[in-house]
């Protein structure tokens, strides 16, 4: 394998140092112009890696980032899964006190990562300001093309709370999709904050 890499390095080196054919300027009769100028690299190439690089993965713990004790690191984010139950508002306050906020799920990969946990968790999504207008805790609107609502959720079912269901949670009877719930109910929560970069 090392020999193959060395051969590839020599081929790349030869390709970089070859002079491209000269390009002639446009004449007034020629309907099209020549291709853009090709620049030749004059600096030596960096050595070819002899080990296979790993592609970044949201579940991979990147050694250039660190999280505090009690937080789980995934990529450049830290997640805290609370062990005690609180209302949505109190859960958010606890996340802010810890230096983060309730989780904002903005990718399929992040949803998959979080749904590996078992339980009922508050997430940072609410329509308490305007019914039906779901906003993340950072004030950004929910991307309607990237939602993980279960079935006919959100349905603002007023049975448990006459005010309706204005806060989002994930996890109900082992189903780790999103449900709207009364913000007054007490659940565990998922906090999120950026990991601390330790590499320069």
Protein backbone atom coordinates (compact mmCIF):
# COMPACT_ATOMS: atom_id res chain seq x y z
CA UNK A 1 0.00 0.00 0.00
CA UNK A 2 2.86 2.36 0.85
CA UNK A 3 4.47 1.60 -2.52
CA UNK A 4 1.18 2.43 -4.31
CA UNK A 5 0.98 5.75 -2.46
CA UNK A 6 4.58 6.58 -3.40
CA UNK A 7 3.84 5.80 -7.07
CA UNK A 8 0.73 8.01 -6.94
CA UNK A 9 2.80 10.80 -5.39
CA UNK A 10 5.32 10.63 -8.25
CA UNK A 11 2.49 10.67 -10.82
CA UNK A 12 0.91 13.72 -9.18
CA UNK A 13 4.32 15.42 -9.00
CA UNK A 14 4.89 14.79 -12.72
CA UNK A 15 1.40 16.04 -13.61
CA UNK A 16 1.88 19.25 -11.63
CA UNK A 17 5.26 20.08 -13.18
CA UNK A 18 4.26 19.43 -16.81
CA UNK A 19 3.76 22.60 -18.88
CA UNK A 20 0.31 22.89 -20.48
CA UNK A 21 0.09 23.65 -24.21
CA UNK A 22 0.11 27.34 -25.09
CA UNK A 23 -3.26 28.92 -25.65
CA UNK A 24 -3.59 31.28 -28.59
CA UNK A 25 -5.49 34.54 -28.19
CA UNK A 26 -8.87 35.04 -29.85
CA UNK A 27 -8.91 36.38 -33.36
CA UNK A 28 -11.68 38.67 -34.45
CA UNK A 29 -13.14 35.94 -36.66
CA UNK A 30 -13.07 33.20 -34.03
CA UNK A 31 -16.54 32.92 -32.40
CA UNK A 32 -15.32 31.64 -28.99
CA UNK A 33 -12.48 32.49 -26.63
CA UNK A 34 -9.86 30.03 -25.36
CA UNK A 35 -10.16 28.19 -22.07
CA UNK A 36 -9.06 30.08 -18.94
CA UNK A 37 -5.33 30.20 -18.17
CA UNK A 38 -3.94 27.19 -16.32
CA UNK A 39 -1.55 28.04 -13.49
CA UNK A 40 1.40 25.81 -12.69
CA UNK A 41 2.18 25.10 -9.05
CA UNK A 42 5.79 25.87 -8.23
CA UNK A 43 5.74 24.86 -4.57
CA UNK A 44 6.42 21.22 -3.68
CA UNK A 45 3.41 19.08 -2.80
CA UNK A 46 2.94 18.05 0.79
CA UNK A 47 3.74 14.41 1.51
CA UNK A 48 1.00 11.89 0.87
CA UNK A 49 -0.60 10.48 3.97
CA UNK A 50 0.22 6.85 4.58
CA UNK A 51 -2.81 6.28 6.81
CA UNK A 52 -6.41 6.40 5.73
CA UNK A 53 -8.14 9.51 7.13
CA UNK A 54 -11.44 9.00 8.92
CA UNK A 55 -14.40 10.98 7.70
CA UNK A 56 -16.03 13.19 10.32
CA UNK A 57 -19.10 11.68 11.92
CA UNK A 58 -21.56 13.36 14.26
CA UNK A 59 -21.22 10.42 16.67
CA UNK A 60 -17.42 10.52 16.61
CA UNK A 61 -15.70 12.17 19.56
CA UNK A 62 -13.33 14.63 17.93
CA UNK A 63 -10.22 15.00 20.10
CA UNK A 64 -10.04 18.70 19.20
CA UNK A 65 -13.24 19.35 21.15
CA UNK A 66 -14.01 18.77 24.80
CA UNK A 67 -17.13 18.82 26.97
CA UNK A 68 -17.55 19.24 30.70
CA UNK A 69 -18.11 16.20 32.88
CA UNK A 70 -21.69 14.97 32.64
CA UNK A 71 -22.06 16.16 29.01
CA UNK A 72 -21.78 13.86 26.00
CA UNK A 73 -19.70 15.04 23.08
CA UNK A 74 -20.67 14.40 19.48
CA UNK A 75 -18.71 16.32 16.87
CA UNK A 76 -18.52 19.98 17.87
CA UNK A 77 -21.52 19.82 20.25
CA UNK A 78 -22.08 18.76 23.84
CA UNK A 79 -25.37 17.25 25.01
CA UNK A 80 -26.67 16.96 28.56
CA UNK A 81 -29.49 14.50 29.26
CA UNK A 82 -31.13 15.55 32.51
CA UNK A 83 -32.02 12.93 35.07
CA UNK A 84 -34.75 14.94 36.82
CA UNK A 85 -38.06 16.08 35.38
CA UNK A 86 -39.19 19.70 35.11
CA UNK A 87 -41.62 21.85 33.13
CA UNK A 88 -40.44 23.07 29.71
CA UNK A 89 -39.71 26.57 31.03
CA UNK A 90 -37.82 25.33 34.10
CA UNK A 91 -35.90 22.83 31.93
CA UNK A 92 -34.85 25.65 29.63
CA UNK A 93 -33.70 27.76 32.60
CA UNK A 94 -31.62 24.81 33.86
CA UNK A 95 -30.00 24.40 30.42
CA UNK A 96 -29.17 28.11 30.28
CA UNK A 97 -27.69 27.91 33.79
CA UNK A 98 -25.42 25.13 32.51
CA UNK A 99 -24.23 27.37 29.65
CA UNK A 100 -26.41 25.94 26.89
CA UNK A 101 -30.08 25.81 25.93
CA UNK A 102 -32.67 23.19 25.10
CA UNK A 103 -31.51 21.26 22.04
CA UNK A 104 -32.16 22.58 18.55
CA UNK A 105 -32.31 19.64 16.14
CA UNK A 106 -31.13 20.80 12.75
CA UNK A 107 -30.14 17.66 10.90
CA UNK A 108 -31.26 14.09 10.34
CA UNK A 109 -27.95 12.92 11.85
CA UNK A 110 -28.63 14.84 15.05
CA UNK A 111 -32.16 13.40 15.31
CA UNK A 112 -30.80 9.86 14.83
CA UNK A 113 -28.15 10.49 17.47
CA UNK A 114 -30.66 11.79 20.03
CA UNK A 115 -33.32 9.17 19.42
CA UNK A 116 -30.89 6.50 20.65
CA UNK A 117 -31.73 7.67 24.18
CA UNK A 118 -34.76 6.21 25.90
CA UNK A 119 -37.23 8.41 27.75
CA UNK A 120 -39.33 11.52 27.36
CA UNK A 121 -37.28 14.68 26.78
CA UNK A 122 -38.09 18.35 26.23
CA UNK A 123 -36.47 19.83 23.13
CA UNK A 124 -36.05 23.54 22.32
CA UNK A 125 -39.14 23.98 20.14
CA UNK A 126 -42.34 25.86 21.03
CA UNK A 127 -45.35 27.59 19.49
CA UNK A 128 -46.32 29.35 22.74
CA UNK A 129 -45.99 32.86 21.19
CA UNK A 130 -48.26 32.16 18.18
CA UNK A 131 -50.25 28.94 17.87
CA UNK A 132 -48.97 26.88 14.94
CA UNK A 133 -45.80 28.97 14.45
CA UNK A 134 -43.07 26.72 15.83
CA UNK A 135 -39.84 28.44 16.83
CA UNK A 136 -36.58 27.12 18.20
CA UNK A 137 -35.23 28.62 21.42
CA UNK A 138 -32.76 30.73 19.40
CA UNK A 139 -35.75 32.41 17.69
CA UNK A 140 -35.31 30.68 14.33
CA UNK A 141 -38.43 29.18 12.70
CA UNK A 142 -38.81 25.43 12.34
CA UNK A 143 -37.69 24.24 8.90
CA UNK A 144 -40.88 22.52 7.71
CA UNK A 145 -38.81 20.25 5.42
CA UNK A 146 -36.83 18.96 8.40
CA UNK A 147 -39.32 17.84 11.05
CA UNK A 148 -39.72 14.61 12.97
CA UNK A 149 -43.30 14.90 14.19
CA UNK A 150 -45.07 11.63 14.90
CA UNK A 151 -48.29 10.89 12.98
CA UNK A 152 -50.74 13.79 13.22
CA UNK A 153 -48.56 15.79 15.62
CA UNK A 154 -48.54 18.63 16.45
CA UNK A 155 -52.22 18.55 17.36
CA UNK A 156 -52.48 20.92 20.38
CA UNK A 157 -54.77 18.45 22.14
CA UNK A 158 -56.34 20.35 25.10
CA UNK A 159 -57.35 17.33 27.23
CA UNK A 160 -54.50 17.53 29.79
CA UNK A 161 -54.22 21.33 29.63
CA UNK A 162 -56.98 23.71 28.46
CA UNK A 163 -54.22 26.01 27.15
CA UNK A 164 -53.26 23.27 24.70
CA UNK A 165 -49.88 21.79 23.87
CA UNK A 166 -47.29 24.41 23.00
CA UNK A 167 -43.96 22.73 23.72
CA UNK A 168 -42.20 19.95 21.84
CA UNK A 169 -40.83 16.78 23.36
CA UNK A 170 -39.40 13.61 21.95
CA UNK A 171 -40.09 10.12 23.19
CA UNK A 172 -43.50 8.68 23.95
CA UNK A 173 -44.03 4.97 24.63
CA UNK A 174 -40.60 4.25 23.15
CA UNK A 175 -41.28 6.28 19.99
CA UNK A 176 -38.46 8.80 19.70
CA UNK A 177 -40.15 11.25 17.33
CA UNK A 178 -41.60 14.65 18.25
CA UNK A 179 -44.88 15.29 20.06
CA UNK A 180 -46.47 18.55 21.22
CA UNK A 181 -47.17 18.51 24.96
CA UNK A 182 -48.44 20.85 27.62
CA UNK A 183 -45.46 22.98 28.68
CA UNK A 184 -46.55 22.50 32.32
CA UNK A 185 -45.93 18.74 32.34
CA UNK A 186 -42.67 17.58 33.86
CA UNK A 187 -40.20 15.68 31.68
CA UNK A 188 -36.48 15.20 31.40
CA UNK A 189 -34.68 17.46 28.93
CA UNK A 190 -31.82 17.56 26.44
CA UNK A 191 -29.51 20.56 26.70
CA UNK A 192 -27.03 21.48 23.97
CA UNK A 193 -24.02 23.75 23.77
CA UNK A 194 -20.93 24.08 21.62
CA UNK A 195 -17.94 22.00 22.61
CA UNK A 196 -14.75 23.83 23.60
CA UNK A 197 -12.10 23.74 20.88
CA UNK A 198 -8.76 22.63 22.35
CA UNK A 199 -6.76 22.34 19.10
CA UNK A 200 -5.25 25.31 17.33
